[in-house]
């Protein structure tokens, strides 16, 4: 998930997240499957997208047992269990 104030870095981050195959589930929340090397690579790029001291990006790897505990009501849907990693 992210909170980035300027349009250009935010749009570049969105493109990068999609490059990794992540899917948007909320306006500033993406999820999908990333190998551990991809997670580290993506995380190493975070500073590039932060345009102010108030901006933030968070990556939350979720274990399989935690994925089984996710509860959702309403229109939001998540990818298949094998695809979970939230950004």
N, C-alpha and C. Protein backbone atom coordinates (compact mmCIF):
# COMPACT_ATOMS: atom_id res chain seq x y z
N UNK A 1 0.85 -1.16 0.00
CA UNK A 1 0.00 0.00 0.00
C UNK A 1 0.89 1.22 0.00
N UNK A 2 0.35 2.32 -0.46
CA UNK A 2 1.16 3.53 -0.55
C UNK A 2 0.32 4.76 -0.32
N UNK A 3 1.02 5.84 0.04
CA UNK A 3 0.43 7.18 0.12
C UNK A 3 1.49 8.11 -0.44
N UNK A 4 1.34 8.49 -1.70
CA UNK A 4 2.31 9.33 -2.40
C UNK A 4 1.58 10.55 -2.92
N UNK A 5 2.08 11.73 -2.56
CA UNK A 5 1.36 12.97 -2.83
C UNK A 5 1.45 13.44 -4.28
N UNK A 6 2.58 13.25 -4.94
CA UNK A 6 2.75 13.77 -6.30
C UNK A 6 2.33 12.73 -7.35
N UNK A 7 1.67 13.22 -8.40
CA UNK A 7 1.14 12.34 -9.43
C UNK A 7 2.20 11.52 -10.15
N UNK A 8 3.27 12.15 -10.61
CA UNK A 8 4.26 11.45 -11.44
C UNK A 8 4.91 10.27 -10.71
N UNK A 9 5.46 10.46 -9.49
CA UNK A 9 6.04 9.29 -8.82
C UNK A 9 4.99 8.24 -8.46
N UNK A 10 3.79 8.68 -8.11
CA UNK A 10 2.72 7.72 -7.79
C UNK A 10 2.36 6.90 -9.03
N UNK A 11 2.21 7.55 -10.17
CA UNK A 11 1.89 6.82 -11.41
C UNK A 11 3.02 5.88 -11.81
N UNK A 12 4.27 6.29 -11.60
CA UNK A 12 5.40 5.42 -11.91
C UNK A 12 5.41 4.20 -11.00
N UNK A 13 5.07 4.38 -9.72
CA UNK A 13 4.99 3.24 -8.81
C UNK A 13 3.88 2.29 -9.25
N UNK A 14 2.74 2.82 -9.62
CA UNK A 14 1.63 1.97 -10.08
C UNK A 14 2.07 1.14 -11.28
N UNK A 15 2.76 1.75 -12.22
CA UNK A 15 3.26 1.01 -13.39
C UNK A 15 4.22 -0.09 -12.97
N UNK A 16 5.08 0.23 -12.00
CA UNK A 16 6.04 -0.76 -11.52
C UNK A 16 5.35 -1.91 -10.82
N UNK A 17 4.35 -1.64 -10.01
CA UNK A 17 3.61 -2.69 -9.33
C UNK A 17 2.91 -3.60 -10.34
N UNK A 18 2.35 -3.00 -11.37
CA UNK A 18 1.71 -3.80 -12.44
C UNK A 18 2.74 -4.62 -13.21
N UNK A 19 3.95 -4.06 -13.39
CA UNK A 19 5.04 -4.80 -14.04
C UNK A 19 5.30 -6.11 -13.30
N UNK A 20 5.24 -6.05 -11.98
CA UNK A 20 5.45 -7.24 -11.16
C UNK A 20 4.22 -8.16 -11.13
N UNK A 21 3.16 -7.77 -11.82
CA UNK A 21 1.97 -8.60 -11.87
C UNK A 21 1.03 -8.41 -10.70
N UNK A 22 1.23 -7.36 -9.92
CA UNK A 22 0.35 -7.11 -8.79
C UNK A 22 -0.95 -6.49 -9.28
N UNK A 23 -2.02 -6.78 -8.56
CA UNK A 23 -3.36 -6.35 -8.94
C UNK A 23 -3.91 -5.37 -7.91
N UNK A 24 -4.52 -4.29 -8.41
CA UNK A 24 -5.10 -3.27 -7.52
C UNK A 24 -6.38 -3.83 -6.89
N UNK A 25 -6.46 -3.73 -5.56
CA UNK A 25 -7.68 -4.15 -4.86
C UNK A 25 -8.36 -2.98 -4.16
N UNK A 26 -7.65 -1.89 -3.98
CA UNK A 26 -8.17 -0.62 -3.48
C UNK A 26 -7.38 0.46 -4.20
N UNK A 27 -7.78 1.70 -4.06
CA UNK A 27 -7.11 2.77 -4.79
C UNK A 27 -5.59 2.77 -4.58
N UNK A 28 -5.13 2.58 -3.38
CA UNK A 28 -3.70 2.59 -3.12
C UNK A 28 -3.20 1.28 -2.51
N UNK A 29 -3.89 0.19 -2.80
CA UNK A 29 -3.50 -1.13 -2.29
C UNK A 29 -3.47 -2.13 -3.43
N UNK A 30 -2.34 -2.81 -3.56
CA UNK A 30 -2.17 -3.85 -4.57
C UNK A 30 -1.86 -5.16 -3.87
N UNK A 31 -2.16 -6.28 -4.52
CA UNK A 31 -1.75 -7.57 -3.98
C UNK A 31 -1.42 -8.50 -5.13
N UNK A 32 -0.66 -9.53 -4.80
CA UNK A 32 -0.27 -10.52 -5.79
C UNK A 32 0.90 -11.34 -5.28
N UNK A 33 1.38 -12.22 -6.12
CA UNK A 33 2.46 -13.13 -5.75
C UNK A 33 3.80 -12.53 -6.17
N UNK A 34 4.73 -12.46 -5.23
CA UNK A 34 6.10 -12.04 -5.53
C UNK A 34 7.05 -13.07 -4.92
N UNK A 35 8.03 -13.49 -5.69
CA UNK A 35 9.11 -14.30 -5.14
C UNK A 35 9.90 -13.42 -4.18
N UNK A 36 10.62 -14.03 -3.26
CA UNK A 36 11.35 -13.26 -2.26
C UNK A 36 12.35 -12.30 -2.91
N UNK A 37 13.00 -12.74 -3.97
CA UNK A 37 13.95 -11.86 -4.66
C UNK A 37 13.25 -10.65 -5.25
N UNK A 38 12.04 -10.85 -5.78
CA UNK A 38 11.27 -9.74 -6.34
C UNK A 38 10.85 -8.77 -5.24
N UNK A 39 10.50 -9.29 -4.08
CA UNK A 39 10.12 -8.42 -2.96
C UNK A 39 11.28 -7.52 -2.57
N UNK A 40 12.47 -8.11 -2.46
CA UNK A 40 13.64 -7.31 -2.09
C UNK A 40 13.98 -6.30 -3.18
N UNK A 41 13.87 -6.71 -4.43
CA UNK A 41 14.14 -5.80 -5.54
C UNK A 41 13.17 -4.63 -5.52
N UNK A 42 11.88 -4.92 -5.39
CA UNK A 42 10.87 -3.87 -5.35
C UNK A 42 11.09 -2.95 -4.15
N UNK A 43 11.33 -3.52 -2.99
CA UNK A 43 11.55 -2.70 -1.79
C UNK A 43 12.77 -1.81 -1.94
N UNK A 44 13.78 -2.27 -2.64
CA UNK A 44 14.99 -1.45 -2.83
C UNK A 44 14.72 -0.23 -3.70
N UNK A 45 13.61 -0.23 -4.43
CA UNK A 45 13.25 0.88 -5.32
C UNK A 45 12.33 1.90 -4.65
N UNK A 46 11.85 1.64 -3.45
CA UNK A 46 10.84 2.49 -2.83
C UNK A 46 11.26 3.95 -2.73
N UNK A 47 12.50 4.22 -2.33
CA UNK A 47 12.96 5.61 -2.17
C UNK A 47 12.78 6.41 -3.45
N UNK A 48 12.89 5.78 -4.59
CA UNK A 48 12.76 6.45 -5.87
C UNK A 48 11.37 7.10 -6.04
N UNK A 49 10.34 6.49 -5.43
CA UNK A 49 8.96 6.95 -5.62
C UNK A 49 8.49 7.92 -4.53
N UNK A 50 9.23 8.04 -3.46
CA UNK A 50 8.82 8.92 -2.35
C UNK A 50 9.19 10.36 -2.70
N UNK A 51 8.18 11.22 -2.81
CA UNK A 51 8.43 12.59 -3.25
C UNK A 51 8.45 13.61 -2.11
N UNK A 52 8.07 13.21 -0.90
CA UNK A 52 8.12 14.11 0.25
C UNK A 52 8.27 13.29 1.53
N UNK A 53 8.55 13.99 2.62
CA UNK A 53 8.69 13.32 3.92
C UNK A 53 7.38 12.73 4.41
N UNK A 54 6.27 13.16 3.83
CA UNK A 54 4.96 12.66 4.25
C UNK A 54 4.52 11.42 3.47
N UNK A 55 5.24 11.08 2.40
CA UNK A 55 4.90 9.92 1.57
C UNK A 55 5.33 8.63 2.25
N UNK A 56 4.66 7.53 1.88
CA UNK A 56 5.04 6.23 2.44
C UNK A 56 4.64 5.10 1.49
N UNK A 57 5.39 4.02 1.58
CA UNK A 57 5.08 2.78 0.87
C UNK A 57 5.30 1.65 1.86
N UNK A 58 4.37 0.71 1.90
CA UNK A 58 4.51 -0.44 2.80
C UNK A 58 4.27 -1.73 2.02
N UNK A 59 5.08 -2.72 2.30
CA UNK A 59 4.93 -4.04 1.70
C UNK A 59 4.75 -5.04 2.84
N UNK A 60 3.66 -5.81 2.78
CA UNK A 60 3.33 -6.76 3.84
C UNK A 60 3.27 -8.17 3.27
N UNK A 61 4.33 -8.96 3.37
CA UNK A 61 4.22 -10.36 3.00
C UNK A 61 3.25 -11.05 3.96
N UNK A 62 2.43 -11.93 3.45
CA UNK A 62 1.43 -12.61 4.27
C UNK A 62 1.62 -14.11 4.12
N UNK A 63 1.77 -14.80 5.24
CA UNK A 63 1.97 -16.25 5.21
C UNK A 63 0.66 -16.95 4.82
N UNK A 64 0.78 -18.18 4.40
CA UNK A 64 -0.38 -18.92 3.92
C UNK A 64 -1.46 -19.07 4.99
N UNK A 65 -1.07 -19.31 6.23
CA UNK A 65 -2.08 -19.47 7.28
C UNK A 65 -2.79 -18.15 7.55
N UNK A 66 -2.09 -17.02 7.40
CA UNK A 66 -2.73 -15.71 7.58
C UNK A 66 -3.70 -15.42 6.43
N UNK A 67 -3.33 -15.80 5.24
CA UNK A 67 -4.20 -15.60 4.08
C UNK A 67 -5.54 -16.29 4.31
N UNK A 68 -5.49 -17.47 4.90
CA UNK A 68 -6.73 -18.21 5.18
C UNK A 68 -7.62 -17.48 6.18
N UNK A 69 -7.09 -16.52 6.93
CA UNK A 69 -7.85 -15.79 7.94
C UNK A 69 -8.46 -14.49 7.42
N UNK A 70 -8.17 -14.11 6.18
CA UNK A 70 -8.69 -12.85 5.63
C UNK A 70 -10.20 -12.97 5.42
N UNK A 71 -10.92 -11.98 5.92
CA UNK A 71 -12.38 -11.95 5.77
C UNK A 71 -12.75 -10.73 4.93
N UNK A 72 -13.60 -10.92 3.93
CA UNK A 72 -14.00 -9.82 3.06
C UNK A 72 -15.51 -9.88 2.86
N UNK A 73 -16.14 -8.73 2.94
CA UNK A 73 -17.56 -8.58 2.62
C UNK A 73 -17.67 -7.55 1.51
N UNK A 74 -18.62 -7.68 0.64
CA UNK A 74 -18.84 -6.68 -0.39
C UNK A 74 -18.19 -7.03 -1.71
N UNK A 75 -17.97 -6.01 -2.52
CA UNK A 75 -17.57 -6.19 -3.91
C UNK A 75 -16.09 -6.52 -4.10
N UNK A 76 -15.25 -6.24 -3.12
CA UNK A 76 -13.82 -6.49 -3.29
C UNK A 76 -13.55 -7.98 -3.40
N UNK A 77 -12.67 -8.34 -4.32
CA UNK A 77 -12.24 -9.74 -4.41
C UNK A 77 -10.72 -9.77 -4.46
N UNK A 78 -10.16 -10.83 -3.94
CA UNK A 78 -8.72 -11.00 -3.94
C UNK A 78 -8.35 -12.06 -4.96
N UNK A 79 -7.10 -12.05 -5.43
CA UNK A 79 -6.62 -13.11 -6.32
C UNK A 79 -6.65 -14.45 -5.59
N UNK A 80 -6.40 -15.51 -6.32
CA UNK A 80 -6.34 -16.83 -5.72
C UNK A 80 -5.29 -16.85 -4.62
N UNK A 81 -5.44 -17.76 -3.69
CA UNK A 81 -4.57 -17.83 -2.51
C UNK A 81 -3.09 -17.85 -2.89
N UNK A 82 -2.72 -18.49 -3.97
CA UNK A 82 -1.33 -18.59 -4.37
C UNK A 82 -0.74 -17.23 -4.75
N UNK A 83 -1.59 -16.22 -4.95
CA UNK A 83 -1.13 -14.94 -5.45
C UNK A 83 -0.95 -13.86 -4.38
N UNK A 84 -1.17 -14.19 -3.11
CA UNK A 84 -1.17 -13.16 -2.08
C UNK A 84 0.18 -12.63 -1.70
N UNK A 85 0.33 -11.37 -1.77
CA UNK A 85 1.34 -10.51 -1.16
C UNK A 85 0.77 -9.12 -1.33
N UNK A 86 0.68 -8.34 -0.26
CA UNK A 86 0.04 -7.03 -0.36
C UNK A 86 1.10 -5.95 -0.43
N UNK A 87 0.84 -4.94 -1.25
CA UNK A 87 1.71 -3.78 -1.37
C UNK A 87 0.82 -2.55 -1.34
